[in-house]
C-alpha atoms as a PDB file:
ATOM      1  CA  UNK A   1      93.434 130.791  75.458  1.00  0.00           C
ATOM      2  CA  UNK A   2      93.835 133.901  77.542  1.00  0.00           C
ATOM      3  CA  UNK A   3      92.136 132.202  80.501  1.00  0.00           C
ATOM      4  CA  UNK A   4      94.476 129.198  80.200  1.00  0.00           C
ATOM      5  CA  UNK A   5      97.530 131.459  79.995  1.00  0.00           C
ATOM      6  CA  UNK A   6      96.359 133.466  82.996  1.00  0.00           C
ATOM      7  CA  UNK A   7      95.751 130.263  84.951  1.00  0.00           C
ATOM      8  CA  UNK A   8      99.267 129.019  84.179  1.00  0.00           C
ATOM      9  CA  UNK A   9     100.788 132.351  85.139  1.00  0.00           C
ATOM     10  CA  UNK A  10      98.834 132.285  88.437  1.00  0.00           C
ATOM     11  CA  UNK A  11      99.971 128.724  89.168  1.00  0.00           C
ATOM     12  CA  UNK A  12     103.589 129.608  88.381  1.00  0.00           C
ATOM     13  CA  UNK A  13     103.393 132.740  90.539  1.00  0.00           C
ATOM     14  CA  UNK A  14     101.857 130.804  93.420  1.00  0.00           C
ATOM     15  CA  UNK A  15     104.564 128.136  93.130  1.00  0.00           C
ATOM     16  CA  UNK A  16     107.334 130.738  93.131  1.00  0.00           C
ATOM     17  CA  UNK A  17     105.783 132.500  96.131  1.00  0.00           C
ATOM     18  CA  UNK A  18     105.534 129.196  98.001  1.00  0.00           C
ATOM     19  CA  UNK A  19     109.122 128.328  97.108  1.00  0.00           C
ATOM     20  CA  UNK A  20     110.334 131.752  98.285  1.00  0.00           C
ATOM     21  CA  UNK A  21     108.373 131.324 101.521  1.00  0.00           C
ATOM     22  CA  UNK A  22     110.038 127.957 102.084  1.00  0.00           C
ATOM     23  CA  UNK A  23     113.507 129.293 101.318  1.00  0.00           C
ATOM     24  CA  UNK A  24     112.890 132.203 103.660  1.00  0.00           C
ATOM     25  CA  UNK A  25     111.803 129.911 106.497  1.00  0.00           C
ATOM     26  CA  UNK A  26     114.783 127.619 105.912  1.00  0.00           C
ATOM     27  CA  UNK A  27     117.157 130.581 105.792  1.00  0.00           C
ATOM     28  CA  UNK A  28     115.718 131.848 109.069  1.00  0.00           C
ATOM     29  CA  UNK A  29     116.364 128.424 110.611  1.00  0.00           C
ATOM     30  CA  UNK A  30     119.917 128.105 109.206  1.00  0.00           C
ATOM     31  CA  UNK A  31     121.171 131.678 109.353  1.00  0.00           C
ATOM     32  CA  UNK A  32     122.633 131.467 112.866  1.00  0.00           C
ATOM     33  CA  UNK A  33     124.888 128.538 111.918  1.00  0.00           C
ATOM     34  CA  UNK A  34     128.142 128.516 110.007  1.00  0.00           C
ATOM     35  CA  UNK A  35     128.751 125.930 107.274  1.00  0.00           C
ATOM     36  CA  UNK A  36     131.231 124.124 109.520  1.00  0.00           C
ATOM     37  CA  UNK A  37     128.668 123.929 112.334  1.00  0.00           C
ATOM     38  CA  UNK A  38     126.062 122.476 109.977  1.00  0.00           C
ATOM     39  CA  UNK A  39     128.467 119.810 108.690  1.00  0.00           C
ATOM     40  CA  UNK A  40     129.493 118.934 112.248  1.00  0.00           C
ATOM     41  CA  UNK A  41     125.851 118.696 113.375  1.00  0.00           C
ATOM     42  CA  UNK A  42     124.947 116.356 110.505  1.00  0.00           C
ATOM     43  CA  UNK A  43     127.960 114.076 110.917  1.00  0.00           C
ATOM     44  CA  UNK A  44     127.349 113.866 114.675  1.00  0.00           C
ATOM     45  CA  UNK A  45     124.128 111.884 114.155  1.00  0.00           C
ATOM     46  CA  UNK A  46     124.887 108.277 115.000  1.00  0.00           C
ATOM     47  CA  UNK A  47     125.008 105.820 112.156  1.00  0.00           C
ATOM     48  CA  UNK A  48     122.464 103.427 113.637  1.00  0.00           C
ATOM     49  CA  UNK A  49     119.939 106.238 114.092  1.00  0.00           C
ATOM     50  CA  UNK A  50     120.560 107.299 110.501  1.00  0.00           C
ATOM     51  CA  UNK A  51     119.951 103.689 109.452  1.00  0.00           C
ATOM     52  CA  UNK A  52     116.686 103.511 111.391  1.00  0.00           C
ATOM     53  CA  UNK A  53     115.547 106.852 109.966  1.00  0.00           C
ATOM     54  CA  UNK A  54     116.318 105.592 106.443  1.00  0.00           C
ATOM     55  CA  UNK A  55     114.478 102.352 107.157  1.00  0.00           C
ATOM     56  CA  UNK A  56     111.364 104.193 108.311  1.00  0.00           C
ATOM     57  CA  UNK A  57     111.563 106.463 105.239  1.00  0.00           C
ATOM     58  CA  UNK A  58     111.836 103.461 102.916  1.00  0.00           C
ATOM     59  CA  UNK A  59     108.909 101.778 104.650  1.00  0.00           C
ATOM     60  CA  UNK A  60     106.853 104.955 104.172  1.00  0.00           C
ATOM     61  CA  UNK A  61     107.469 104.976 100.443  1.00  0.00           C
ATOM     62  CA  UNK A  62     106.553 101.286 100.247  1.00  0.00           C
ATOM     63  CA  UNK A  63     103.326 102.155 102.074  1.00  0.00           C
ATOM     64  CA  UNK A  64     102.666 104.978  99.610  1.00  0.00           C
ATOM     65  CA  UNK A  65     102.762 102.520  96.705  1.00  0.00           C
ATOM     66  CA  UNK A  66      99.582 100.974  98.081  1.00  0.00           C
ATOM     67  CA  UNK A  67      97.803 104.325  97.690  1.00  0.00           C
ATOM     68  CA  UNK A  68      97.968 103.849  93.904  1.00  0.00           C
ATOM     69  CA  UNK A  69      97.440 100.090  94.076  1.00  0.00           C
ATOM     70  CA  UNK A  70      94.200 100.593  95.983  1.00  0.00           C
ATOM     71  CA  UNK A  71      93.133 103.501  93.792  1.00  0.00           C
ATOM     72  CA  UNK A  72      93.429 101.350  90.689  1.00  0.00           C
ATOM     73  CA  UNK A  73      91.032  98.869  92.258  1.00  0.00           C
ATOM     74  CA  UNK A  74      88.621 101.638  93.186  1.00  0.00           C
ATOM     75  CA  UNK A  75      88.374 102.786  89.550  1.00  0.00           C
ATOM     76  CA  UNK A  76      88.193  99.127  88.455  1.00  0.00           C
ATOM     77  CA  UNK A  77      91.368  99.398  86.359  1.00  0.00           C
ATOM     78  CA  UNK A  78      93.671  97.082  88.341  1.00  0.00           C
ATOM     79  CA  UNK A  79      97.318  96.768  87.348  1.00  0.00           C
ATOM     80  CA  UNK A  80     100.072  94.543  88.739  1.00  0.00           C
ATOM     81  CA  UNK A  81     101.609  95.842  91.953  1.00  0.00           C
ATOM     82  CA  UNK A  82     105.014  96.424  90.299  1.00  0.00           C
ATOM     83  CA  UNK A  83     103.477  98.908  87.852  1.00  0.00           C
ATOM     84  CA  UNK A  84     101.502 100.742  90.539  1.00  0.00           C
ATOM     85  CA  UNK A  85     104.627 100.847  92.727  1.00  0.00           C
ATOM     86  CA  UNK A  86     106.760 102.288  89.912  1.00  0.00           C
ATOM     87  CA  UNK A  87     104.250 105.017  89.053  1.00  0.00           C
ATOM     88  CA  UNK A  88     103.668 105.837  92.719  1.00  0.00           C
ATOM     89  CA  UNK A  89     107.307 106.088  93.729  1.00  0.00           C
ATOM     90  CA  UNK A  90     108.419 108.034  90.667  1.00  0.00           C
ATOM     91  CA  UNK A  91     105.555 110.527  91.036  1.00  0.00           C
ATOM     92  CA  UNK A  92     105.642 110.995  94.799  1.00  0.00           C
ATOM     93  CA  UNK A  93     109.422 111.081  95.252  1.00  0.00           C
ATOM     94  CA  UNK A  94     109.422 114.016  92.854  1.00  0.00           C
ATOM     95  CA  UNK A  95     106.088 115.487  93.913  1.00  0.00           C
ATOM     96  CA  UNK A  96     107.116 115.703  97.573  1.00  0.00           C
ATOM     97  CA  UNK A  97     110.045 117.957  96.621  1.00  0.00           C
ATOM     98  CA  UNK A  98     108.480 119.946  93.768  1.00  0.00           C
ATOM     99  CA  UNK A  99     105.380 121.062  95.636  1.00  0.00           C
ATOM    100  CA  UNK A 100     101.769 121.165  94.389  1.00  0.00           C
ATOM    101  CA  UNK A 101     101.815 117.409  94.976  1.00  0.00           C
ATOM    102  CA  UNK A 102      98.430 116.801  93.341  1.00  0.00           C
ATOM    103  CA  UNK A 103      99.444 118.527  90.104  1.00  0.00           C
ATOM    104  CA  UNK A 104     103.104 117.509  89.927  1.00  0.00           C
ATOM    105  CA  UNK A 105     102.575 113.895  90.914  1.00  0.00           C
ATOM    106  CA  UNK A 106      99.470 113.736  88.731  1.00  0.00           C
ATOM    107  CA  UNK A 107     101.461 114.788  85.676  1.00  0.00           C
ATOM    108  CA  UNK A 108     104.107 112.141  86.302  1.00  0.00           C
ATOM    109  CA  UNK A 109     101.451 109.515  87.050  1.00  0.00           C
ATOM    110  CA  UNK A 110      99.808 110.309  83.719  1.00  0.00           C
ATOM    111  CA  UNK A 111     103.137 109.757  81.971  1.00  0.00           C
ATOM    112  CA  UNK A 112     103.187 106.194  83.324  1.00  0.00           C
ATOM    113  CA  UNK A 113      99.511 105.233  83.368  1.00  0.00           C
ATOM    114  CA  UNK A 114      98.779 106.527  79.872  1.00  0.00           C
ATOM    115  CA  UNK A 115     101.266 103.959  78.542  1.00  0.00           C
ATOM    116  CA  UNK A 116      99.294 101.249  80.301  1.00  0.00           C
ATOM    117  CA  UNK A 117      95.940 102.166  78.808  1.00  0.00           C
ATOM    118  CA  UNK A 118      94.540 104.614  81.376  1.00  0.00           C
ATOM    119  CA  UNK A 119      93.118 107.992  80.437  1.00  0.00           C
ATOM    120  CA  UNK A 120      93.335 111.445  81.998  1.00  0.00           C
ATOM    121  CA  UNK A 121      90.037 110.870  83.811  1.00  0.00           C
ATOM    122  CA  UNK A 122      91.386 107.680  85.362  1.00  0.00           C
ATOM    123  CA  UNK A 123      94.509 109.465  86.578  1.00  0.00           C
ATOM    124  CA  UNK A 124      92.411 112.294  88.022  1.00  0.00           C
ATOM    125  CA  UNK A 125      90.426 109.707  90.004  1.00  0.00           C
ATOM    126  CA  UNK A 126      93.639 108.109  91.225  1.00  0.00           C
ATOM    127  CA  UNK A 127      94.910 111.489  92.445  1.00  0.00           C
ATOM    128  CA  UNK A 128      91.559 112.105  94.176  1.00  0.00           C
ATOM    129  CA  UNK A 129      91.601 108.708  95.875  1.00  0.00           C
ATOM    130  CA  UNK A 130      95.196 109.227  97.036  1.00  0.00           C
ATOM    131  CA  UNK A 131      94.290 112.691  98.335  1.00  0.00           C
ATOM    132  CA  UNK A 132      91.416 111.240 100.367  1.00  0.00           C
ATOM    133  CA  UNK A 133      93.789 108.587 101.739  1.00  0.00           C
ATOM    134  CA  UNK A 134      96.229 111.320 102.773  1.00  0.00           C
ATOM    135  CA  UNK A 135      93.428 113.174 104.571  1.00  0.00           C
ATOM    136  CA  UNK A 136      92.245 110.027 106.356  1.00  0.00           C
ATOM    137  CA  UNK A 137      95.776 109.182 107.511  1.00  0.00           C
ATOM    138  CA  UNK A 138      96.540 112.700 108.693  1.00  0.00           C
ATOM    139  CA  UNK A 139      93.215 112.916 110.530  1.00  0.00           C
ATOM    140  CA  UNK A 140      93.714 109.602 112.331  1.00  0.00           C
ATOM    141  CA  UNK A 141      97.340 110.301 113.304  1.00  0.00           C
ATOM    142  CA  UNK A 142      96.461 113.842 114.415  1.00  0.00           C
ATOM    143  CA  UNK A 143      93.643 112.503 116.566  1.00  0.00           C
ATOM    144  CA  UNK A 144      95.778 109.815 118.167  1.00  0.00           C
ATOM    145  CA  UNK A 145      98.704 112.169 118.835  1.00  0.00           C
ATOM    146  CA  UNK A 146      96.414 114.862 120.303  1.00  0.00           C
ATOM    147  CA  UNK A 147      94.833 112.335 122.641  1.00  0.00           C
ATOM    148  CA  UNK A 148      98.190 110.824 123.644  1.00  0.00           C
ATOM    149  CA  UNK A 149     100.111 114.110 124.052  1.00  0.00           C
ATOM    150  CA  UNK A 150      97.829 117.166 124.242  1.00  0.00           C
ATOM    151  CA  UNK A 151     100.638 119.302 125.695  1.00  0.00           C
ATOM    152  CA  UNK A 152     102.515 119.448 122.392  1.00  0.00           C
ATOM    153  CA  UNK A 153      99.362 120.265 120.441  1.00  0.00           C
ATOM    154  CA  UNK A 154      98.563 122.933 123.022  1.00  0.00           C
ATOM    155  CA  UNK A 155     101.958 124.592 122.509  1.00  0.00           C
ATOM    156  CA  UNK A 156     101.319 124.695 118.766  1.00  0.00           C
ATOM    157  CA  UNK A 157      97.640 125.635 118.631  1.00  0.00           C
ATOM    158  CA  UNK A 158      97.235 127.613 121.886  1.00  0.00           C
ATOM    159  CA  UNK A 159      93.919 125.931 122.661  1.00  0.00           C
ATOM    160  CA  UNK A 160      92.581 124.549 125.974  1.00  0.00           C
ATOM    161  CA  UNK A 161      93.345 120.904 126.656  1.00  0.00           C
ATOM    162  CA  UNK A 162      89.655 119.991 126.678  1.00  0.00           C
ATOM    163  CA  UNK A 163      89.241 121.520 123.214  1.00  0.00           C
ATOM    164  CA  UNK A 164      92.287 119.650 121.934  1.00  0.00           C
ATOM    165  CA  UNK A 165      90.979 116.338 123.246  1.00  0.00           C
ATOM    166  CA  UNK A 166      87.679 117.040 121.508  1.00  0.00           C
ATOM    167  CA  UNK A 167      89.538 117.804 118.285  1.00  0.00           C
ATOM    168  CA  UNK A 168      91.606 114.649 118.755  1.00  0.00           C
ATOM    169  CA  UNK A 169      88.486 112.566 119.159  1.00  0.00           C
ATOM    170  CA  UNK A 170      87.017 114.228 116.056  1.00  0.00           C
ATOM    171  CA  UNK A 171      90.197 113.387 114.145  1.00  0.00           C
ATOM    172  CA  UNK A 172      89.732 109.713 114.990  1.00  0.00           C
ATOM    173  CA  UNK A 173      86.009 109.753 114.267  1.00  0.00           C
ATOM    174  CA  UNK A 174      86.362 111.230 110.747  1.00  0.00           C
ATOM    175  CA  UNK A 175      88.034 108.109 109.265  1.00  0.00           C
ATOM    176  CA  UNK A 176      85.629 105.880 111.205  1.00  0.00           C
ATOM    177  CA  UNK A 177      82.701 107.840 109.745  1.00  0.00           C
ATOM    178  CA  UNK A 178      84.206 107.345 106.285  1.00  0.00           C
ATOM    179  CA  UNK A 179      84.382 103.607 106.944  1.00  0.00           C
ATOM    180  CA  UNK A 180      80.777 103.595 108.182  1.00  0.00           C
ATOM    181  CA  UNK A 181      79.716 105.439 105.000  1.00  0.00           C
ATOM    182  CA  UNK A 182      81.432 102.765 102.894  1.00  0.00           C
ATOM    183  CA  UNK A 183      79.580 100.066 104.834  1.00  0.00           C
ATOM    184  CA  UNK A 184      76.099 101.479 104.206  1.00  0.00           C
ATOM    185  CA  UNK A 185      74.197  98.931 102.052  1.00  0.00           C
ATOM    186  CA  UNK A 186      73.757 100.089  98.490  1.00  0.00           C
ATOM    187  CA  UNK A 187      69.951  99.933  98.650  1.00  0.00           C
ATOM    188  CA  UNK A 188      69.970 102.469 101.507  1.00  0.00           C
ATOM    189  CA  UNK A 189      72.706 104.636 100.012  1.00  0.00           C
ATOM    190  CA  UNK A 190      70.618 105.162  96.857  1.00  0.00           C
ATOM    191  CA  UNK A 191      67.869 106.759  98.921  1.00  0.00           C
ATOM    192  CA  UNK A 192      70.194 109.316 100.497  1.00  0.00           C
ATOM    193  CA  UNK A 193      72.349 112.159  99.239  1.00  0.00           C
ATOM    194  CA  UNK A 194      75.323 109.783  99.323  1.00  0.00           C
ATOM    195  CA  UNK A 195      75.291 109.119  95.608  1.00  0.00           C
ATOM    196  CA  UNK A 196      79.051 109.510  95.246  1.00  0.00           C
ATOM    197  CA  UNK A 197      81.023 106.555  94.045  1.00  0.00           C
ATOM    198  CA  UNK A 198      81.869 104.832  97.297  1.00  0.00           C
ATOM    199  CA  UNK A 199      84.717 102.410  97.960  1.00  0.00           C
ATOM    200  CA  UNK A 200      83.826  99.006  99.328  1.00  0.00           C
ATOM    201  CA  UNK A 201      84.228  98.638 103.069  1.00  0.00           C
ATOM    202  CA  UNK A 202      87.417  96.592 102.757  1.00  0.00           C
ATOM    203  CA  UNK A 203      88.955  99.180 100.451  1.00  0.00           C
ATOM    204  CA  UNK A 204      87.975 102.034 102.787  1.00  0.00           C
ATOM    205  CA  UNK A 205      89.521 100.196 105.740  1.00  0.00           C
ATOM    206  CA  UNK A 206      92.689  99.648 103.725  1.00  0.00           C
ATOM    207  CA  UNK A 207      92.796 103.379 102.940  1.00  0.00           C
ATOM    208  CA  UNK A 208      92.617 104.274 106.628  1.00  0.00           C
ATOM    209  CA  UNK A 209      95.322 101.739 107.534  1.00  0.00           C
ATOM    210  CA  UNK A 210      97.859 102.624 104.836  1.00  0.00           C
ATOM    211  CA  UNK A 211      97.181 106.344 105.238  1.00  0.00           C
ATOM    212  CA  UNK A 212      97.754 106.257 108.983  1.00  0.00           C
ATOM    213  CA  UNK A 213     100.723 103.877 108.855  1.00  0.00           C
ATOM    214  CA  UNK A 214     102.407 106.004 106.190  1.00  0.00           C
ATOM    215  CA  UNK A 215     102.381 109.180 108.279  1.00  0.00           C
ATOM    216  CA  UNK A 216     103.261 107.227 111.415  1.00  0.00           C
ATOM    217  CA  UNK A 217     106.373 105.976 109.587  1.00  0.00           C
ATOM    218  CA  UNK A 218     107.341 109.491 108.462  1.00  0.00           C
ATOM    219  CA  UNK A 219     106.965 110.694 112.066  1.00  0.00           C
ATOM    220  CA  UNK A 220     109.099 107.746 113.203  1.00  0.00           C
ATOM    221  CA  UNK A 221     111.780 108.764 110.683  1.00  0.00           C
ATOM    222  CA  UNK A 222     111.795 112.318 112.065  1.00  0.00           C
ATOM    223  CA  UNK A 223     111.720 111.010 115.639  1.00  0.00           C
ATOM    224  CA  UNK A 224     114.838 108.888 115.094  1.00  0.00           C
ATOM    225  CA  UNK A 225     116.694 111.913 113.735  1.00  0.00           C
ATOM    226  CA  UNK A 226     115.607 114.171 116.619  1.00  0.00           C
ATOM    227  CA  UNK A 227     116.266 111.797 119.510  1.00  0.00           C
ATOM    228  CA  UNK A 228     119.969 112.151 118.859  1.00  0.00           C
ATOM    229  CA  UNK A 229     119.917 115.616 120.410  1.00  0.00           C
ATOM    230  CA  UNK A 230     116.722 115.785 122.469  1.00  0.00           C
ATOM    231  CA  UNK A 231     114.607 113.624 124.737  1.00  0.00           C
ATOM    232  CA  UNK A 232     111.319 113.863 122.907  1.00  0.00           C
ATOM    233  CA  UNK A 233     108.382 111.471 122.825  1.00  0.00           C
ATOM    234  CA  UNK A 234     107.056 109.943 119.654  1.00  0.00           C
ATOM    235  CA  UNK A 235     103.554 111.476 120.117  1.00  0.00           C
ATOM    236  CA  UNK A 236     105.140 114.934 120.417  1.00  0.00           C
ATOM    237  CA  UNK A 237     107.042 114.441 117.162  1.00  0.00           C
ATOM    238  CA  UNK A 238     103.913 113.034 115.486  1.00  0.00           C
ATOM    239  CA  UNK A 239     101.933 116.127 116.571  1.00  0.00           C
ATOM    240  CA  UNK A 240     104.628 118.432 115.213  1.00  0.00           C
ATOM    241  CA  UNK A 241     104.852 116.537 111.939  1.00  0.00           C
ATOM    242  CA  UNK A 242     101.066 116.519 111.422  1.00  0.00           C
ATOM    243  CA  UNK A 243     100.978 120.285 112.003  1.00  0.00           C
ATOM    244  CA  UNK A 244     103.886 120.878 109.630  1.00  0.00           C
ATOM    245  CA  UNK A 245     102.461 118.595 106.970  1.00  0.00           C
ATOM    246  CA  UNK A 246      99.050 120.242 107.167  1.00  0.00           C
ATOM    247  CA  UNK A 247     100.697 123.664 106.745  1.00  0.00           C
ATOM    248  CA  UNK A 248     102.665 122.301 103.787  1.00  0.00           C
ATOM    249  CA  UNK A 249      99.511 120.981 102.087  1.00  0.00           C
ATOM    250  CA  UNK A 250      97.861 124.393 102.525  1.00  0.00           C
ATOM    251  CA  UNK A 251     100.801 126.487 101.334  1.00  0.00           C
ATOM    252  CA  UNK A 252     102.222 124.016  98.780  1.00  0.00           C
ATOM    253  CA  UNK A 253     105.758 124.896  99.922  1.00  0.00           C
ATOM    254  CA  UNK A 254     107.995 122.425  98.037  1.00  0.00           C
ATOM    255  CA  UNK A 255     108.974 119.594 100.367  1.00  0.00           C
ATOM    256  CA  UNK A 256     107.678 121.604 103.302  1.00  0.00           C
ATOM    257  CA  UNK A 257     110.935 123.538 102.971  1.00  0.00           C
ATOM    258  CA  UNK A 258     111.434 125.493 106.180  1.00  0.00           C
ATOM    259  CA  UNK A 259     107.965 124.590 107.494  1.00  0.00           C
ATOM    260  CA  UNK A 260     109.026 121.389 109.254  1.00  0.00           C
ATOM    261  CA  UNK A 261     112.084 123.123 110.661  1.00  0.00           C
ATOM    262  CA  UNK A 262     110.060 126.048 112.018  1.00  0.00           C
ATOM    263  CA  UNK A 263     107.411 123.851 113.640  1.00  0.00           C
ATOM    264  CA  UNK A 264     109.889 121.409 115.209  1.00  0.00           C
ATOM    265  CA  UNK A 265     112.034 124.202 116.600  1.00  0.00           C
ATOM    266  CA  UNK A 266     108.909 125.691 118.147  1.00  0.00           C
ATOM    267  CA  UNK A 267     108.173 122.363 119.842  1.00  0.00           C
ATOM    268  CA  UNK A 268     111.818 121.920 120.974  1.00  0.00           C
ATOM    269  CA  UNK A 269     113.078 125.466 121.638  1.00  0.00           C
ATOM    270  CA  UNK A 270     116.711 125.910 122.585  1.00  0.00           C
ATOM    271  CA  UNK A 271     117.803 122.618 121.024  1.00  0.00           C
ATOM    272  CA  UNK A 272     120.450 122.366 118.303  1.00  0.00           C
ATOM    273  CA  UNK A 273     118.227 120.618 115.782  1.00  0.00           C
ATOM    274  CA  UNK A 274     119.695 121.626 112.457  1.00  0.00           C
ATOM    275  CA  UNK A 275     121.773 118.444 112.009  1.00  0.00           C
ATOM    276  CA  UNK A 276     118.941 115.997 112.720  1.00  0.00           C
ATOM    277  CA  UNK A 277     116.523 118.006 110.547  1.00  0.00           C
ATOM    278  CA  UNK A 278     118.952 118.001 107.628  1.00  0.00           C
ATOM    279  CA  UNK A 279     119.399 114.241 108.098  1.00  0.00           C
ATOM    280  CA  UNK A 280     115.598 113.872 107.943  1.00  0.00           C
ATOM    281  CA  UNK A 281     115.488 115.952 104.766  1.00  0.00           C
ATOM    282  CA  UNK A 282     118.200 113.814 103.182  1.00  0.00           C
ATOM    283  CA  UNK A 283     116.677 110.405 103.920  1.00  0.00           C
ATOM    284  CA  UNK A 284     113.044 111.350 103.243  1.00  0.00           C
ATOM    285  CA  UNK A 285     113.283 113.930 100.468  1.00  0.00           C
ATOM    286  CA  UNK A 286     116.673 114.130  98.762  1.00  0.00           C
ATOM    287  CA  UNK A 287     117.592 110.429  98.513  1.00  0.00           C
ATOM    288  CA  UNK A 288     114.139 109.405  97.177  1.00  0.00           C
ATOM    289  CA  UNK A 289     114.194 112.397  94.801  1.00  0.00           C
ATOM    290  CA  UNK A 290     117.490 111.268  93.285  1.00  0.00           C
ATOM    291  CA  UNK A 291     116.268 107.672  93.010  1.00  0.00           C
ATOM    292  CA  UNK A 292     112.950 108.818  91.528  1.00  0.00           C
ATOM    293  CA  UNK A 293     114.750 110.932  88.907  1.00  0.00           C
ATOM    294  CA  UNK A 294     116.934 107.956  88.008  1.00  0.00           C
ATOM    295  CA  UNK A 295     113.907 105.653  87.660  1.00  0.00           C
ATOM    296  CA  UNK A 296     112.070 108.237  85.569  1.00  0.00           C
ATOM    297  CA  UNK A 297     115.095 108.623  83.265  1.00  0.00           C
ATOM    298  CA  UNK A 298     115.617 104.882  82.916  1.00  0.00           C
ATOM    299  CA  UNK A 299     111.927 104.350  82.166  1.00  0.00           C
ATOM    300  CA  UNK A 300     111.954 107.029  79.464  1.00  0.00           C
ATOM    301  CA  UNK A 301     114.992 105.434  77.783  1.00  0.00           C
ATOM    302  CA  UNK A 302     113.434 101.954  77.907  1.00  0.00           C
ATOM    303  CA  UNK A 303     110.114 103.186  76.485  1.00  0.00           C
ATOM    304  CA  UNK A 304     111.838 105.053  73.636  1.00  0.00           C
ATOM    305  CA  UNK A 305     113.767 101.917  72.707  1.00  0.00           C
ATOM    306  CA  UNK A 306     110.543  99.910  72.706  1.00  0.00           C
ATOM    307  CA  UNK A 307     108.951 102.454  70.385  1.00  0.00           C
ATOM    308  CA  UNK A 308     111.659 102.105  67.732  1.00  0.00           C
END
């Protein structure tokens, strides 16, 4: 009992520290602006760019639903797409903003999947599969963006261009190696140390595709918001987003609060980016969060009425 209590206290303390770090970074980014300047910067973003950013954000969340859909097939507990999509969106729209995405989204996923006959072990495997898909997508997009625009990566990582191109190639090869592992015939895999439960080749390929496309769509959402105030290439924005997202995964800062802003302002120094960045936060984090809360609330009411 004492160990469990200590673990919970540690998790809570780590979450609060991460949240404070995010608030501090965001305050550092916003502190030089007045409220009126922030409102003016946000409203200055053109409507059609806001629409495109929202469209890319929506497409990303649709892509994320396939993380769960594929995971259910991996654990051989397939459910209709509509159920996987509901659990995925409700869990990730909240998990992205709460922080500790694996734990927070896992808890919400369990709330849904347990009603549909899945156990805690099944949900843990779904979270693991989705985490691997995230890693594959980030690795592939990082590799492509480093190869396409090493200058941006160089400004962030302070490494020689040759080293960055090598890292970029490695980023591309990691998902391909994963696919090759999935393609190894079972009779050979049994003779090696690869005794882990492997996805079939088609499933592994689908993981790489949806993982990469998801992060490419998020970067496109951010790119649409930023191009209102700065001439910036898509690969540069993709590099910045991959770096910010990786830092967010490591620190568990809720919603990458302040991390994205800090990284992007490093890539585009001297630009008035606060309006576009707040627009990005609204369309990718706040709007889905509100919709996810509404869906979660409606689902709870419906389930309670069914139980009567």
